[in-house]
């Protein structure tokens, strides 16, 4: 199998994942709105810590969830575009290289979004006040997503040798 086909498949799976997470937010909107509202209520955080972050309580859960959903949608669009462009350029090395830029855009967007939401907002504003195991679990999953997306992106962004085939490391040409 040509290495480019593997890369198209990997990006297609990222497109599927990001599309499904967006659609899941749309289908289960009320559930996710409730979760966002719980985080934003920050009922168990002492007021002394909230004085520096009054904007969090003032922000609408609908607006916050809309921001999350827009972020997921943009990532899905980047990965879907990357899949389509990489597929159509699979026989042209230069066009394929150019098409991979959409992968980079989607991966950077997802990683920044996950990092911002789970490591900055959730940790500093809310998660540090939860029980340690619960906060660690949420952060662990966000970190695993970031690592997986980063590793897949690095693999996709590597230059491919037109003669390289996935046949046990042998080169055929």
Protein backbone atom coordinates (compact mmCIF):
# COMPACT_ATOMS: atom_id res chain seq x y z
CA UNK A 1 0.00 0.00 0.00
CA UNK A 2 1.32 3.42 -0.87
CA UNK A 3 2.27 5.55 2.16
CA UNK A 4 0.09 8.36 0.83
CA UNK A 5 -2.99 6.15 1.04
CA UNK A 6 -2.19 5.41 4.67
CA UNK A 7 -1.92 9.13 5.34
CA UNK A 8 -5.26 9.79 3.65
CA UNK A 9 -6.82 7.06 5.80
CA UNK A 10 -5.36 8.53 9.01
CA UNK A 11 -6.67 11.99 8.14
CA UNK A 12 -10.07 10.52 7.21
CA UNK A 13 -10.23 8.96 10.69
CA UNK A 14 -9.40 12.34 12.26
CA UNK A 15 -12.15 13.88 10.12
CA UNK A 16 -14.60 11.22 11.28
CA UNK A 17 -13.64 11.68 14.94
CA UNK A 18 -13.93 15.47 14.85
CA UNK A 19 -17.20 15.34 12.89
CA UNK A 20 -18.74 12.85 15.29
CA UNK A 21 -17.75 14.87 18.36
CA UNK A 22 -19.34 17.96 16.79
CA UNK A 23 -22.52 16.05 15.88
CA UNK A 24 -22.66 14.52 19.36
CA UNK A 25 -22.70 18.04 20.81
CA UNK A 26 -25.55 18.98 18.46
CA UNK A 27 -27.62 15.87 19.20
CA UNK A 28 -27.04 16.01 22.98
CA UNK A 29 -27.14 19.80 23.21
CA UNK A 30 -29.14 19.98 26.46
CA UNK A 31 -26.86 17.47 28.20
CA UNK A 32 -23.72 19.36 27.19
CA UNK A 33 -25.31 22.71 28.04
CA UNK A 34 -25.96 21.37 31.54
CA UNK A 35 -22.36 20.23 31.90
CA UNK A 36 -21.04 23.60 30.72
CA UNK A 37 -23.44 25.39 33.07
CA UNK A 38 -22.21 23.27 36.00
CA UNK A 39 -18.61 24.16 35.24
CA UNK A 40 -19.43 27.83 34.81
CA UNK A 41 -21.50 28.00 38.02
CA UNK A 42 -18.38 27.09 40.01
CA UNK A 43 -20.52 26.64 43.08
CA UNK A 44 -17.76 25.13 45.18
CA UNK A 45 -15.09 27.74 44.47
CA UNK A 46 -14.48 30.32 47.20
CA UNK A 47 -15.49 33.85 46.17
CA UNK A 48 -11.97 35.15 46.78
CA UNK A 49 -10.80 33.21 43.71
CA UNK A 50 -13.73 34.33 41.60
CA UNK A 51 -13.05 38.04 41.99
CA UNK A 52 -10.28 37.80 39.40
CA UNK A 53 -12.53 35.88 36.97
CA UNK A 54 -15.98 37.49 37.09
CA UNK A 55 -16.44 36.99 33.33
CA UNK A 56 -16.85 33.24 33.83
CA UNK A 57 -20.07 33.57 35.81
CA UNK A 58 -21.38 36.23 33.44
CA UNK A 59 -20.85 34.19 30.28
CA UNK A 60 -23.91 32.34 29.01
CA UNK A 61 -23.65 28.53 28.97
CA UNK A 62 -25.27 28.65 25.53
CA UNK A 63 -22.56 31.01 24.29
CA UNK A 64 -19.78 28.92 25.82
CA UNK A 65 -21.16 25.70 24.31
CA UNK A 66 -21.60 27.45 20.97
CA UNK A 67 -17.91 28.39 21.10
CA UNK A 68 -16.96 24.78 21.81
CA UNK A 69 -19.17 23.54 18.98
CA UNK A 70 -17.79 26.10 16.53
CA UNK A 71 -14.27 24.97 17.44
CA UNK A 72 -15.15 21.33 16.81
CA UNK A 73 -16.86 22.25 13.55
CA UNK A 74 -13.83 24.19 12.28
CA UNK A 75 -11.55 21.27 13.12
CA UNK A 76 -13.91 18.85 11.35
CA UNK A 77 -13.98 21.07 8.25
CA UNK A 78 -10.16 21.27 8.20
CA UNK A 79 -9.80 17.49 8.43
CA UNK A 80 -12.55 16.81 5.85
CA UNK A 81 -10.95 19.29 3.44
CA UNK A 82 -7.56 17.70 4.07
CA UNK A 83 -8.93 14.23 3.36
CA UNK A 84 -10.56 15.33 0.11
CA UNK A 85 -7.57 17.33 -1.11
CA UNK A 86 -5.06 14.62 -0.14
CA UNK A 87 -7.15 11.96 -1.87
CA UNK A 88 -7.36 13.95 -5.09
CA UNK A 89 -3.61 14.74 -4.95
CA UNK A 90 -2.43 11.25 -4.00
CA UNK A 91 -0.65 10.74 -7.34
CA UNK A 92 1.17 14.09 -7.37
CA UNK A 93 3.90 14.59 -4.76
CA UNK A 94 3.86 18.40 -4.83
CA UNK A 95 0.05 18.69 -4.73
CA UNK A 96 -0.08 16.10 -1.93
CA UNK A 97 2.46 18.07 0.09
CA UNK A 98 0.38 21.22 -0.34
CA UNK A 99 -2.86 19.41 0.61
CA UNK A 100 -1.33 18.33 3.93
CA UNK A 101 -1.41 21.93 5.18
CA UNK A 102 -5.10 21.48 6.00
CA UNK A 103 -4.13 18.64 8.34
CA UNK A 104 -1.74 20.94 10.14
CA UNK A 105 -4.42 23.62 10.45
CA UNK A 106 -6.95 21.17 11.89
CA UNK A 107 -4.47 19.58 14.29
CA UNK A 108 -3.21 22.91 15.58
CA UNK A 109 -6.78 24.13 16.05
CA UNK A 110 -7.86 21.00 17.95
CA UNK A 111 -4.73 20.96 20.11
CA UNK A 112 -5.04 24.63 21.03
CA UNK A 113 -8.74 24.18 21.77
CA UNK A 114 -8.15 21.11 23.96
CA UNK A 115 -5.21 22.70 25.72
CA UNK A 116 -7.09 25.93 26.35
CA UNK A 117 -10.31 24.29 27.50
CA UNK A 118 -8.96 21.43 29.59
CA UNK A 119 -5.60 22.61 30.85
CA UNK A 120 -6.07 26.34 31.25
CA UNK A 121 -9.76 27.07 31.75
CA UNK A 122 -10.76 23.82 33.46
CA UNK A 123 -7.65 23.47 35.58
CA UNK A 124 -7.23 27.05 36.75
CA UNK A 125 -10.85 28.04 37.02
CA UNK A 126 -12.66 24.88 38.02
CA UNK A 127 -10.95 21.50 38.02
CA UNK A 128 -8.47 22.24 40.77
CA UNK A 129 -11.41 22.39 43.14
CA UNK A 130 -12.70 18.94 42.25
CA UNK A 131 -11.47 15.75 43.79
CA UNK A 132 -7.96 14.95 42.58
CA UNK A 133 -8.82 11.70 40.76
CA UNK A 134 -11.69 13.25 38.81
CA UNK A 135 -9.62 16.24 37.67
CA UNK A 136 -6.69 13.99 36.77
CA UNK A 137 -8.93 11.74 34.67
CA UNK A 138 -10.31 14.64 32.61
CA UNK A 139 -6.86 16.10 32.06
CA UNK A 140 -5.43 12.68 31.21
CA UNK A 141 -7.95 12.19 28.40
CA UNK A 142 -7.37 15.69 27.02
CA UNK A 143 -3.61 15.10 27.11
CA UNK A 144 -4.00 11.72 25.37
CA UNK A 145 -6.07 13.36 22.61
CA UNK A 146 -3.45 16.06 22.13
CA UNK A 147 -0.63 13.49 22.00
CA UNK A 148 -2.48 11.21 19.60
CA UNK A 149 -3.43 14.04 17.26
CA UNK A 150 0.12 15.42 17.41
CA UNK A 151 1.69 12.02 16.67
CA UNK A 152 -0.67 11.38 13.76
CA UNK A 153 -0.03 14.88 12.42
CA UNK A 154 3.74 14.38 12.59
CA UNK A 155 3.39 11.12 10.68
CA UNK A 156 1.18 12.71 8.02
CA UNK A 157 3.42 15.77 7.63
CA UNK A 158 6.57 13.69 7.00
CA UNK A 159 7.80 13.70 3.42
CA UNK A 160 6.97 10.53 1.60
CA UNK A 161 9.26 8.74 -0.79
CA UNK A 162 7.39 7.93 -3.99
CA UNK A 163 9.06 4.52 -4.05
CA UNK A 164 8.33 3.62 -0.43
CA UNK A 165 5.73 0.92 0.10
CA UNK A 166 4.42 -0.48 3.36
CA UNK A 167 5.75 -3.99 2.83
CA UNK A 168 7.87 -4.74 5.84
CA UNK A 169 10.31 -1.89 5.35
CA UNK A 170 11.58 -2.93 1.93
CA UNK A 171 11.88 -0.36 -0.81
CA UNK A 172 10.52 -1.22 -4.21
CA UNK A 173 11.10 0.88 -7.25
